[in-house]
Amino acid sequence: MKVLVGVKRVVDYNVNIRVLSDNSGVDLNNVKMSVNPFDEIAIEEAVRLKEAGTADEVVVVSIGQSNCQEQIRTALALGADRGILVETDETMQPLAIAKVLKAVVEKESPELVIVGKQAIDDDNSQTGQMLAAIAGLSQATFASNVEIADGKATVTREIDGGLETISISLPAVVTTDLRLNEPRYASLPNIMKAKKKPIDTYTPEDLGVDVAPRLSVLKVEPPPQRQAGIIVETAEDLVDKLRNEAKVIP
């Protein structure tokens, strides 16, 4: 069984985001970039399936500029077998990403596609669902447990009311939630081995996909500064401030 994993290059979650002075976007100069944390979980799940003998090959795919190879190499160091870079300078949006992934799925014919449930830069949580829809694949989103057997995947999903367990036919798309697993750290020997693993490079044109953005970002603003809190002496003082200053109680 072949597993295809989507990997996105994002600003590291420890970085304090800065907005450009003209409010056109986020300042990426000299900013640490990393694999999207939910995609790290997807990589870990795919590697675990391979270690268990369920999967034979793990292929990672990233879409973006040439520097996305850094994140692909990270995934290879974590246990993936080979990488695919779809290189483009366009700003990639969920539908365009889903179309590119569909073309890669048609080329690679994986039995399972695992992607993070969302990226921490835009928080859209759309790509996995869109891919499943346009590729005509089964889907299970927000997975906290995945078991593969007899051509089916049994997936426990995290939903508003608790947990839901479903069975879907392969090939399928699964999106990962936080509690699916805990990603491993890459060892130095595996980092060295990853440098020799192959990465195939395509462009959207090679795959016959139009990735022109459908949405335009008009303005990006940082969140407003929060005012410092205050300490009140009594419960009566608290109620008074909630009623007369905050206006949150009648």
C-alpha atoms as a PDB file:
ATOM      1  CA  MET A   1       0.000   0.000   0.000  1.00  0.00           C
ATOM      2  CA  LYS A   2       1.255   3.450  -0.923  1.00  0.00           C
ATOM      3  CA  VAL A   3       0.557   6.427   1.354  1.00  0.00           C
ATOM      4  CA  LEU A   4       0.705   9.995   0.077  1.00  0.00           C
ATOM      5  CA  VAL A   5       1.252  12.745   2.666  1.00  0.00           C
ATOM      6  CA  GLY A   6       0.738  16.463   2.129  1.00  0.00           C
ATOM      7  CA  VAL A   7       3.349  18.762   3.686  1.00  0.00           C
ATOM      8  CA  LYS A   8       3.039  22.544   3.920  1.00  0.00           C
ATOM      9  CA  ARG A   9       5.782  25.072   4.668  1.00  0.00           C
ATOM     10  CA  VAL A  10       4.572  27.504   7.340  1.00  0.00           C
ATOM     11  CA  VAL A  11       5.999  30.026   9.779  1.00  0.00           C
ATOM     12  CA  ASP A  12       7.203  28.141  12.849  1.00  0.00           C
ATOM     13  CA  TYR A  13       4.619  28.180  15.630  1.00  0.00           C
ATOM     14  CA  ASN A  14       7.122  29.713  18.066  1.00  0.00           C
ATOM     15  CA  VAL A  15       7.658  32.798  15.896  1.00  0.00           C
ATOM     16  CA  ASN A  16       6.053  36.104  16.837  1.00  0.00           C
ATOM     17  CA  ILE A  17       4.269  37.107  13.624  1.00  0.00           C
ATOM     18  CA  ARG A  18       4.897  40.598  12.259  1.00  0.00           C
ATOM     19  CA  VAL A  19       2.654  42.351   9.739  1.00  0.00           C
ATOM     20  CA  LEU A  20       4.271  44.289   6.888  1.00  0.00           C
ATOM     21  CA  SER A  21       4.183  48.080   7.191  1.00  0.00           C
ATOM     22  CA  ASP A  22       1.867  48.393   4.170  1.00  0.00           C
ATOM     23  CA  ASN A  23      -0.541  45.785   5.625  1.00  0.00           C
ATOM     24  CA  SER A  24      -0.194  43.645   2.513  1.00  0.00           C
ATOM     25  CA  GLY A  25       0.748  40.486   4.374  1.00  0.00           C
ATOM     26  CA  VAL A  26       3.025  38.847   6.937  1.00  0.00           C
ATOM     27  CA  ASP A  27       6.739  39.661   7.088  1.00  0.00           C
ATOM     28  CA  LEU A  28       8.658  36.479   6.183  1.00  0.00           C
ATOM     29  CA  ASN A  29      12.148  37.980   6.073  1.00  0.00           C
ATOM     30  CA  ASN A  30      14.581  36.041   8.276  1.00  0.00           C
ATOM     31  CA  VAL A  31      11.687  34.080   9.784  1.00  0.00           C
ATOM     32  CA  LYS A  32      12.069  30.427  10.786  1.00  0.00           C
ATOM     33  CA  MET A  33       9.894  28.160   8.628  1.00  0.00           C
ATOM     34  CA  SER A  34       8.814  24.642   9.565  1.00  0.00           C
ATOM     35  CA  VAL A  35       6.533  21.786   8.594  1.00  0.00           C
ATOM     36  CA  ASN A  36       2.929  22.548   9.502  1.00  0.00           C
ATOM     37  CA  PRO A  37       2.393  20.783  12.889  1.00  0.00           C
ATOM     38  CA  PHE A  38      -0.707  18.916  11.707  1.00  0.00           C
ATOM     39  CA  ASP A  39       1.288  17.665   8.701  1.00  0.00           C
ATOM     40  CA  GLU A  40       3.978  16.389  11.071  1.00  0.00           C
ATOM     41  CA  ILE A  41       1.253  14.239  12.611  1.00  0.00           C
ATOM     42  CA  ALA A  42       0.288  13.033   9.125  1.00  0.00           C
ATOM     43  CA  ILE A  43       3.916  12.084   8.398  1.00  0.00           C
ATOM     44  CA  GLU A  44       4.187  10.217  11.701  1.00  0.00           C
ATOM     45  CA  GLU A  45       0.982   8.262  11.038  1.00  0.00           C
ATOM     46  CA  ALA A  46       2.150   7.251   7.576  1.00  0.00           C
ATOM     47  CA  VAL A  47       5.552   6.144   8.880  1.00  0.00           C
ATOM     48  CA  ARG A  48       3.891   4.131  11.644  1.00  0.00           C
ATOM     49  CA  LEU A  49       1.730   2.371   9.043  1.00  0.00           C
ATOM     50  CA  LYS A  50       4.901   1.474   7.145  1.00  0.00           C
ATOM     51  CA  GLU A  51       6.659   0.257  10.290  1.00  0.00           C
ATOM     52  CA  ALA A  52       3.643  -1.921  11.078  1.00  0.00           C
ATOM     53  CA  GLY A  53       3.854  -3.519   7.632  1.00  0.00           C
ATOM     54  CA  THR A  54       0.547  -2.024   6.510  1.00  0.00           C
ATOM     55  CA  ALA A  55       2.131   0.422   4.056  1.00  0.00           C
ATOM     56  CA  ASP A  56       4.966  -0.276   1.618  1.00  0.00           C
ATOM     57  CA  GLU A  57       5.900   3.261   0.617  1.00  0.00           C
ATOM     58  CA  VAL A  58       5.420   6.762   2.022  1.00  0.00           C
ATOM     59  CA  VAL A  59       5.549   9.636  -0.454  1.00  0.00           C
ATOM     60  CA  VAL A  60       5.426  13.268   0.684  1.00  0.00           C
ATOM     61  CA  VAL A  61       4.286  16.115  -1.552  1.00  0.00           C
ATOM     62  CA  SER A  62       4.678  19.850  -1.045  1.00  0.00           C
ATOM     63  CA  ILE A  63       3.442  22.725  -3.196  1.00  0.00           C
ATOM     64  CA  GLY A  64       5.200  26.071  -3.307  1.00  0.00           C
ATOM     65  CA  GLN A  65       8.552  27.676  -3.986  1.00  0.00           C
ATOM     66  CA  SER A  66      11.824  25.764  -4.245  1.00  0.00           C
ATOM     67  CA  ASN A  67      12.574  26.324  -0.541  1.00  0.00           C
ATOM     68  CA  CYS A  68       9.780  23.861   0.261  1.00  0.00           C
ATOM     69  CA  GLN A  69      12.443  21.209  -0.318  1.00  0.00           C
ATOM     70  CA  GLU A  70      13.591  21.924   3.254  1.00  0.00           C
ATOM     71  CA  GLN A  71      10.285  20.637   4.616  1.00  0.00           C
ATOM     72  CA  ILE A  72      10.301  17.678   2.242  1.00  0.00           C
ATOM     73  CA  ARG A  73      13.791  16.745   3.495  1.00  0.00           C
ATOM     74  CA  THR A  74      12.481  16.979   7.052  1.00  0.00           C
ATOM     75  CA  ALA A  75       9.717  14.528   6.177  1.00  0.00           C
ATOM     76  CA  LEU A  76      12.236  12.215   4.517  1.00  0.00           C
ATOM     77  CA  ALA A  77      14.363  12.329   7.668  1.00  0.00           C
ATOM     78  CA  LEU A  78      11.306  11.321   9.681  1.00  0.00           C
ATOM     79  CA  GLY A  79      10.893   8.154   7.622  1.00  0.00           C
ATOM     80  CA  ALA A  80       9.242   8.979   4.293  1.00  0.00           C
ATOM     81  CA  ASP A  81      10.725   7.254   1.236  1.00  0.00           C
ATOM     82  CA  ARG A  82      10.653   9.957  -1.432  1.00  0.00           C
ATOM     83  CA  GLY A  83       9.334  13.416  -2.085  1.00  0.00           C
ATOM     84  CA  ILE A  84       7.472  15.384  -4.729  1.00  0.00           C
ATOM     85  CA  LEU A  85       7.725  19.154  -5.072  1.00  0.00           C
ATOM     86  CA  VAL A  86       5.195  20.991  -7.215  1.00  0.00           C
ATOM     87  CA  GLU A  87       7.065  24.239  -7.675  1.00  0.00           C
ATOM     88  CA  THR A  88       5.195  27.505  -8.147  1.00  0.00           C
ATOM     89  CA  ASP A  89       5.498  31.135  -7.097  1.00  0.00           C
ATOM     90  CA  GLU A  90       1.728  31.598  -6.943  1.00  0.00           C
ATOM     91  CA  THR A  91       0.000  32.108  -3.607  1.00  0.00           C
ATOM     92  CA  MET A  92      -1.613  28.728  -3.096  1.00  0.00           C
ATOM     93  CA  GLN A  93      -5.188  28.573  -1.858  1.00  0.00           C
ATOM     94  CA  PRO A  94      -7.090  25.458  -0.709  1.00  0.00           C
ATOM     95  CA  LEU A  95      -8.909  24.713  -3.972  1.00  0.00           C
ATOM     96  CA  ALA A  96      -5.742  25.099  -6.038  1.00  0.00           C
ATOM     97  CA  ILE A  97      -3.842  22.859  -3.613  1.00  0.00           C
ATOM     98  CA  ALA A  98      -6.612  20.257  -3.816  1.00  0.00           C
ATOM     99  CA  LYS A  99      -6.462  20.319  -7.629  1.00  0.00           C
ATOM    100  CA  VAL A 100      -2.694  19.827  -7.599  1.00  0.00           C
ATOM    101  CA  LEU A 101      -2.994  16.996  -5.077  1.00  0.00           C
ATOM    102  CA  LYS A 102      -5.666  15.382  -7.255  1.00  0.00           C
ATOM    103  CA  ALA A 103      -3.238  15.407 -10.184  1.00  0.00           C
ATOM    104  CA  VAL A 104      -0.525  13.879  -7.978  1.00  0.00           C
ATOM    105  CA  VAL A 105      -2.981  11.236  -6.753  1.00  0.00           C
ATOM    106  CA  GLU A 106      -3.786  10.319 -10.355  1.00  0.00           C
ATOM    107  CA  LYS A 107      -0.058  10.032 -11.105  1.00  0.00           C
ATOM    108  CA  GLU A 108       0.926   8.092  -7.961  1.00  0.00           C
ATOM    109  CA  SER A 109      -2.272   6.047  -7.303  1.00  0.00           C
ATOM    110  CA  PRO A 110      -1.934   5.897  -3.492  1.00  0.00           C
ATOM    111  CA  GLU A 111      -4.404   3.859  -1.461  1.00  0.00           C
ATOM    112  CA  LEU A 112      -4.341   6.430   1.345  1.00  0.00           C
ATOM    113  CA  VAL A 113      -3.815  10.197   1.389  1.00  0.00           C
ATOM    114  CA  ILE A 114      -3.086  11.774   4.779  1.00  0.00           C
ATOM    115  CA  VAL A 115      -3.036  15.537   5.273  1.00  0.00           C
ATOM    116  CA  GLY A 116      -3.220  17.797   8.298  1.00  0.00           C
ATOM    117  CA  LYS A 117      -6.710  18.962   9.182  1.00  0.00           C
ATOM    118  CA  GLN A 118      -5.578  22.585   8.775  1.00  0.00           C
ATOM    119  CA  ALA A 119      -2.514  24.770   8.353  1.00  0.00           C
ATOM    120  CA  ILE A 120      -1.572  27.076  11.203  1.00  0.00           C
ATOM    121  CA  ASP A 121      -1.000  30.034   8.874  1.00  0.00           C
ATOM    122  CA  ASP A 122      -4.459  30.335   7.300  1.00  0.00           C
ATOM    123  CA  ASP A 123      -6.548  27.894   9.400  1.00  0.00           C
ATOM    124  CA  ASN A 124      -8.872  27.153   6.462  1.00  0.00           C
ATOM    125  CA  SER A 125      -9.363  23.420   7.139  1.00  0.00           C
ATOM    126  CA  GLN A 126     -10.577  22.888   3.558  1.00  0.00           C
ATOM    127  CA  THR A 127      -7.937  21.127   1.461  1.00  0.00           C
ATOM    128  CA  GLY A 128      -8.584  17.534   2.573  1.00  0.00           C
ATOM    129  CA  GLN A 129     -12.323  17.813   2.070  1.00  0.00           C
ATOM    130  CA  MET A 130     -11.926  19.493  -1.324  1.00  0.00           C
ATOM    131  CA  LEU A 131      -9.451  16.857  -2.477  1.00  0.00           C
ATOM    132  CA  ALA A 132     -11.794  14.027  -1.514  1.00  0.00           C
ATOM    133  CA  ALA A 133     -14.690  15.719  -3.305  1.00  0.00           C
ATOM    134  CA  ILE A 134     -12.975  16.466  -6.624  1.00  0.00           C
ATOM    135  CA  ALA A 135     -11.054  13.172  -6.699  1.00  0.00           C
ATOM    136  CA  GLY A 136     -14.098  11.091  -5.778  1.00  0.00           C
ATOM    137  CA  LEU A 137     -12.410   9.522  -2.749  1.00  0.00           C
ATOM    138  CA  SER A 138     -13.771   8.447   0.619  1.00  0.00           C
ATOM    139  CA  GLN A 139     -12.890  10.830   3.421  1.00  0.00           C
ATOM    140  CA  ALA A 140     -12.522  10.864   7.193  1.00  0.00           C
ATOM    141  CA  THR A 141     -11.683  14.200   8.788  1.00  0.00           C
ATOM    142  CA  PHE A 142     -10.275  15.164  12.223  1.00  0.00           C
ATOM    143  CA  ALA A 143      -8.926  11.671  12.862  1.00  0.00           C
ATOM    144  CA  SER A 144      -7.681  10.706  16.329  1.00  0.00           C
ATOM    145  CA  ASN A 145      -7.215   7.008  15.486  1.00  0.00           C
ATOM    146  CA  VAL A 146      -6.734   5.156  12.198  1.00  0.00           C
ATOM    147  CA  GLU A 147      -6.745   1.401  11.594  1.00  0.00           C
ATOM    148  CA  ILE A 148      -6.297  -0.158   8.150  1.00  0.00           C
ATOM    149  CA  ALA A 149      -7.528  -3.662   7.324  1.00  0.00           C
ATOM    150  CA  ASP A 150      -9.194  -5.549   4.457  1.00  0.00           C
ATOM    151  CA  GLY A 151      -9.281  -2.596   2.103  1.00  0.00           C
ATOM    152  CA  LYS A 152     -10.993  -0.357   4.617  1.00  0.00           C
ATOM    153  CA  ALA A 153      -9.980   2.283   7.125  1.00  0.00           C
ATOM    154  CA  THR A 154     -11.652   2.477  10.523  1.00  0.00           C
ATOM    155  CA  VAL A 155     -11.272   6.040  11.730  1.00  0.00           C
ATOM    156  CA  THR A 156     -12.194   7.626  15.041  1.00  0.00           C
ATOM    157  CA  ARG A 157     -13.104  11.266  14.478  1.00  0.00           C
ATOM    158  CA  GLU A 158     -13.184  14.127  16.960  1.00  0.00           C
ATOM    159  CA  ILE A 159     -16.520  15.915  16.673  1.00  0.00           C
ATOM    160  CA  ASP A 160     -18.311  18.546  18.753  1.00  0.00           C
ATOM    161  CA  GLY A 161     -20.237  15.945  20.738  1.00  0.00           C
ATOM    162  CA  GLY A 162     -17.305  13.628  21.449  1.00  0.00           C
ATOM    163  CA  LEU A 163     -15.935  10.838  19.249  1.00  0.00           C
ATOM    164  CA  GLU A 164     -17.371   9.193  16.142  1.00  0.00           C
ATOM    165  CA  THR A 165     -16.000   5.988  14.597  1.00  0.00           C
ATOM    166  CA  ILE A 166     -16.592   5.362  10.910  1.00  0.00           C
ATOM    167  CA  SER A 167     -15.468   2.800   8.341  1.00  0.00           C
ATOM    168  CA  ILE A 168     -14.480   4.002   4.867  1.00  0.00           C
ATOM    169  CA  SER A 169     -13.330   2.198   1.730  1.00  0.00           C
ATOM    170  CA  LEU A 170      -9.869   2.741   0.298  1.00  0.00           C
ATOM    171  CA  PRO A 171      -8.590   4.734  -1.512  1.00  0.00           C
ATOM    172  CA  ALA A 172      -9.404   7.517   0.912  1.00  0.00           C
ATOM    173  CA  VAL A 173      -8.380  10.881   2.304  1.00  0.00           C
ATOM    174  CA  VAL A 174      -7.781  11.223   6.050  1.00  0.00           C
ATOM    175  CA  THR A 175      -7.118  14.514   7.826  1.00  0.00           C
ATOM    176  CA  THR A 176      -5.252  14.402  11.131  1.00  0.00           C
ATOM    177  CA  ASP A 177      -6.201  15.874  14.492  1.00  0.00           C
ATOM    178  CA  LEU A 178      -3.845  16.648  17.373  1.00  0.00           C
ATOM    179  CA  ARG A 179      -4.469  13.473  19.355  1.00  0.00           C
ATOM    180  CA  LEU A 180      -3.761  11.033  16.522  1.00  0.00           C
ATOM    181  CA  ASN A 181      -0.127  10.591  17.589  1.00  0.00           C
ATOM    182  CA  GLU A 182       2.977  12.352  18.860  1.00  0.00           C
ATOM    183  CA  PRO A 183       5.483  13.026  16.060  1.00  0.00           C
ATOM    184  CA  ARG A 184       9.030  11.758  16.532  1.00  0.00           C
ATOM    185  CA  TYR A 185      12.250  13.731  16.229  1.00  0.00           C
ATOM    186  CA  ALA A 186      14.549  13.048  13.298  1.00  0.00           C
ATOM    187  CA  SER A 187      17.811  11.347  14.269  1.00  0.00           C
ATOM    188  CA  LEU A 188      21.117  12.552  12.855  1.00  0.00           C
ATOM    189  CA  PRO A 189      21.686   9.353  10.803  1.00  0.00           C
ATOM    190  CA  ASN A 190      18.219   9.703   9.268  1.00  0.00           C
ATOM    191  CA  ILE A 191      18.862  13.373   8.491  1.00  0.00           C
ATOM    192  CA  MET A 192      21.991  12.330   6.589  1.00  0.00           C
ATOM    193  CA  LYS A 193      20.132   9.544   4.777  1.00  0.00           C
ATOM    194  CA  ALA A 194      17.374  11.976   3.789  1.00  0.00           C
ATOM    195  CA  LYS A 195      19.849  13.984   1.728  1.00  0.00           C
ATOM    196  CA  LYS A 196      20.164  11.033  -0.670  1.00  0.00           C
ATOM    197  CA  LYS A 197      16.447  10.281  -1.004  1.00  0.00           C
ATOM    198  CA  PRO A 198      14.899  11.374  -4.312  1.00  0.00           C
ATOM    199  CA  ILE A 199      12.670  14.425  -4.782  1.00  0.00           C
ATOM    200  CA  ASP A 200      10.779  14.708  -8.073  1.00  0.00           C
ATOM    201  CA  THR A 201       9.956  18.244  -9.185  1.00  0.00           C
ATOM    202  CA  TYR A 202       6.981  19.298 -11.290  1.00  0.00           C
ATOM    203  CA  THR A 203       5.155  22.514 -12.031  1.00  0.00           C
ATOM    204  CA  PRO A 204       1.376  22.986 -12.029  1.00  0.00           C
ATOM    205  CA  GLU A 205       1.639  23.304 -15.827  1.00  0.00           C
ATOM    206  CA  ASP A 206       3.286  19.870 -15.995  1.00  0.00           C
ATOM    207  CA  LEU A 207       0.267  18.484 -14.168  1.00  0.00           C
ATOM    208  CA  GLY A 208      -2.241  20.466 -16.230  1.00  0.00           C
ATOM    209  CA  VAL A 209      -3.559  22.424 -13.242  1.00  0.00           C
ATOM    210  CA  ASP A 210      -4.512  26.107 -13.096  1.00  0.00           C
ATOM    211  CA  VAL A 211      -3.467  27.468  -9.685  1.00  0.00           C
ATOM    212  CA  ALA A 212      -4.302  31.150 -10.225  1.00  0.00           C
ATOM    213  CA  PRO A 213      -5.671  32.568  -6.941  1.00  0.00           C
ATOM    214  CA  ARG A 214      -9.439  33.057  -6.781  1.00  0.00           C
ATOM    215  CA  LEU A 215      -9.315  35.302  -3.726  1.00  0.00           C
ATOM    216  CA  SER A 216      -7.384  38.514  -3.155  1.00  0.00           C
ATOM    217  CA  VAL A 217      -6.112  39.602   0.246  1.00  0.00           C
ATOM    218  CA  LEU A 218      -7.062  43.264   0.627  1.00  0.00           C
ATOM    219  CA  LYS A 219      -5.518  43.960   3.998  1.00  0.00           C
ATOM    220  CA  VAL A 220      -3.737  42.222   6.870  1.00  0.00           C
ATOM    221  CA  GLU A 221      -3.852  43.710  10.357  1.00  0.00           C
ATOM    222  CA  PRO A 222      -2.428  42.527  13.666  1.00  0.00           C
ATOM    223  CA  PRO A 223      -4.949  41.891  16.449  1.00  0.00           C
ATOM    224  CA  PRO A 224      -5.679  44.917  18.655  1.00  0.00           C
ATOM    225  CA  GLN A 225      -3.608  45.344  21.793  1.00  0.00           C
ATOM    226  CA  ARG A 226      -5.291  43.885  24.852  1.00  0.00           C
ATOM    227  CA  GLN A 227      -5.629  46.127  27.873  1.00  0.00           C
ATOM    228  CA  ALA A 228      -4.005  45.019  31.088  1.00  0.00           C
ATOM    229  CA  GLY A 229      -6.263  43.370  33.627  1.00  0.00           C
ATOM    230  CA  ILE A 230      -7.063  44.779  37.046  1.00  0.00           C
ATOM    231  CA  ILE A 231      -7.463  43.250  40.490  1.00  0.00           C
ATOM    232  CA  VAL A 232     -10.630  43.949  42.449  1.00  0.00           C
ATOM    233  CA  GLU A 233     -10.931  43.675  46.209  1.00  0.00           C
ATOM    234  CA  THR A 234     -14.411  42.188  46.540  1.00  0.00           C
ATOM    235  CA  ALA A 235     -17.037  40.323  44.572  1.00  0.00           C
ATOM    236  CA  GLU A 236     -19.221  43.437  44.735  1.00  0.00           C
ATOM    237  CA  ASP A 237     -16.514  45.448  42.982  1.00  0.00           C
ATOM    238  CA  LEU A 238     -16.299  42.776  40.289  1.00  0.00           C
ATOM    239  CA  VAL A 239     -20.054  42.804  39.688  1.00  0.00           C
ATOM    240  CA  ASP A 240     -20.046  46.598  39.573  1.00  0.00           C
ATOM    241  CA  LYS A 241     -17.334  46.687  36.909  1.00  0.00           C
ATOM    242  CA  LEU A 242     -18.989  43.949  34.862  1.00  0.00           C
ATOM    243  CA  ARG A 243     -22.258  45.840  34.968  1.00  0.00           C
ATOM    244  CA  ASN A 244     -21.121  49.462  34.538  1.00  0.00           C
ATOM    245  CA  GLU A 245     -17.833  49.240  32.611  1.00  0.00           C
ATOM    246  CA  ALA A 246     -17.852  45.995  30.674  1.00  0.00           C
ATOM    247  CA  LYS A 247     -21.649  46.051  30.181  1.00  0.00           C
ATOM    248  CA  VAL A 248     -21.725  42.252  30.160  1.00  0.00           C
ATOM    249  CA  ILE A 249     -24.436  41.834  32.795  1.00  0.00           C
ATOM    250  CA  PRO A 250     -27.687  43.831  33.129  1.00  0.00           C
END
